[in-house]
Amino acid sequence: MIIIHAAMRLQPGKDDAFLKEILPLVEASRGESGNVSYDLYKHAEKEHAYTMVEVWKDQQAVTSHNSSAHFTAFTGKAGEFLAAPLDVKVYAAEAVKV
């Protein structure tokens, strides 16, 4: 599995416009082949801070996602909202049975 954490810090006053653009991305991404989960979280203590937590079956699924129309459309608009570059961390993982 591939786990991606994409931290986003928005310009003040841009939260509503950001959510309007990103929520369709979340919905479409969840429907992609190879997607395990795709969730957007708002930081509880920092204003205008969000993190996308993505879990993908494999690197092929990530590559397909990164070239999808919904992903490229959002990334083309992301500069309108972001106050800083995305902080993306990618992890390789395996399920642990407990």
Protein backbone atom coordinates (compact mmCIF):
# COMPACT_ATOMS: atom_id res chain seq x y z
CA MET A 1 0.00 0.00 0.00
CA ILE A 2 0.98 3.58 -0.57
CA ILE A 3 -0.06 6.21 1.98
CA ILE A 4 0.11 9.89 1.11
CA HIS A 5 -0.27 12.84 3.48
CA ALA A 6 -0.68 16.15 1.64
CA ALA A 7 -0.71 19.09 4.04
CA MET A 8 -2.20 22.31 2.71
CA ARG A 9 -2.10 25.78 4.23
CA LEU A 10 -4.63 28.14 2.68
CA GLN A 11 -4.72 31.87 2.25
CA PRO A 12 -7.09 33.46 4.79
CA GLY A 13 -10.60 33.77 3.40
CA LYS A 14 -10.12 31.04 0.80
CA ASP A 15 -11.51 28.06 2.78
CA ASP A 16 -14.97 28.07 1.19
CA ALA A 17 -13.66 28.34 -2.38
CA PHE A 18 -11.08 25.63 -1.62
CA LEU A 19 -13.73 23.26 -0.27
CA LYS A 20 -15.96 23.88 -3.28
CA GLU A 21 -13.09 22.78 -5.55
CA ILE A 22 -11.62 19.95 -3.49
CA LEU A 23 -14.75 18.06 -2.43
CA PRO A 24 -15.47 16.85 -6.00
CA LEU A 25 -11.84 15.66 -6.14
CA VAL A 26 -12.37 13.68 -2.93
CA GLU A 27 -15.54 12.05 -4.26
CA ALA A 28 -14.05 11.17 -7.66
CA SER A 29 -10.83 9.85 -6.12
CA ARG A 30 -12.71 7.51 -3.82
CA GLY A 31 -14.26 5.91 -6.90
CA GLU A 32 -10.93 5.18 -8.57
CA SER A 33 -9.67 1.65 -9.02
CA GLY A 34 -6.94 1.01 -6.47
CA ASN A 35 -8.16 3.60 -3.97
CA VAL A 36 -8.47 2.28 -0.41
CA SER A 37 -9.41 5.61 1.20
CA TYR A 38 -9.24 9.32 0.45
CA ASP A 39 -10.08 11.72 3.29
CA LEU A 40 -9.71 15.44 3.88
CA TYR A 41 -9.14 16.63 7.45
CA LYS A 42 -9.25 20.17 8.83
CA HIS A 43 -6.59 20.89 11.44
CA ALA A 44 -8.17 21.32 14.87
CA GLU A 45 -5.72 23.97 16.08
CA LYS A 46 -4.35 25.74 12.99
CA GLU A 47 -6.56 28.03 10.95
CA HIS A 48 -6.74 27.44 7.20
CA ALA A 49 -4.85 24.14 7.46
CA TYR A 50 -6.01 20.86 5.92
CA THR A 51 -4.48 17.45 5.29
CA MET A 52 -5.48 14.97 2.62
CA VAL A 53 -4.80 11.40 3.73
CA GLU A 54 -4.80 8.98 0.82
CA VAL A 55 -4.35 5.20 0.83
CA TRP A 56 -3.73 3.43 -2.46
CA LYS A 57 -3.40 -0.24 -3.35
CA ASP A 58 -0.10 0.27 -5.19
CA GLN A 59 2.08 2.73 -7.08
CA GLN A 60 0.20 2.07 -10.32
CA ALA A 61 -3.00 3.34 -8.67
CA VAL A 62 -1.18 6.49 -7.49
CA THR A 63 0.23 7.10 -10.97
CA SER A 64 -3.21 6.69 -12.51
CA HIS A 65 -4.73 9.06 -9.94
CA ASN A 66 -2.06 11.71 -10.51
CA SER A 67 -2.91 11.80 -14.22
CA SER A 68 -6.71 11.74 -13.77
CA ALA A 69 -8.81 14.64 -15.05
CA HIS A 70 -10.19 15.46 -11.59
CA PHE A 71 -6.72 15.54 -9.99
CA THR A 72 -5.09 17.63 -12.71
CA ALA A 73 -8.06 20.03 -12.74
CA PHE A 74 -7.71 20.62 -9.00
CA THR A 75 -3.93 20.99 -9.05
CA GLY A 76 -4.32 23.55 -11.84
CA LYS A 77 -6.44 25.69 -9.50
CA ALA A 78 -4.64 24.97 -6.21
CA GLY A 79 -2.43 28.03 -6.48
CA GLU A 80 -5.52 30.22 -6.10
CA PHE A 81 -5.99 28.91 -2.53
CA LEU A 82 -2.61 27.89 -1.15
CA ALA A 83 -0.51 30.17 1.04
CA ALA A 84 2.49 27.82 0.79
CA PRO A 85 3.57 24.89 -1.36
CA LEU A 86 1.97 21.53 -0.62
CA ASP A 87 3.83 19.49 1.98
CA VAL A 88 3.53 15.95 0.60
CA LYS A 89 4.84 12.87 2.37
CA VAL A 90 4.60 9.42 0.77
CA TYR A 91 4.91 6.16 2.69
CA ALA A 92 5.07 2.52 1.65
CA ALA A 93 3.10 0.36 4.07
CA GLU A 94 1.70 -3.07 4.65
CA ALA A 95 -1.28 -4.11 6.70
CA VAL A 96 -0.49 -5.48 10.14
CA LYS A 97 -2.75 -8.17 11.56
CA VAL A 98 -3.43 -7.74 15.26
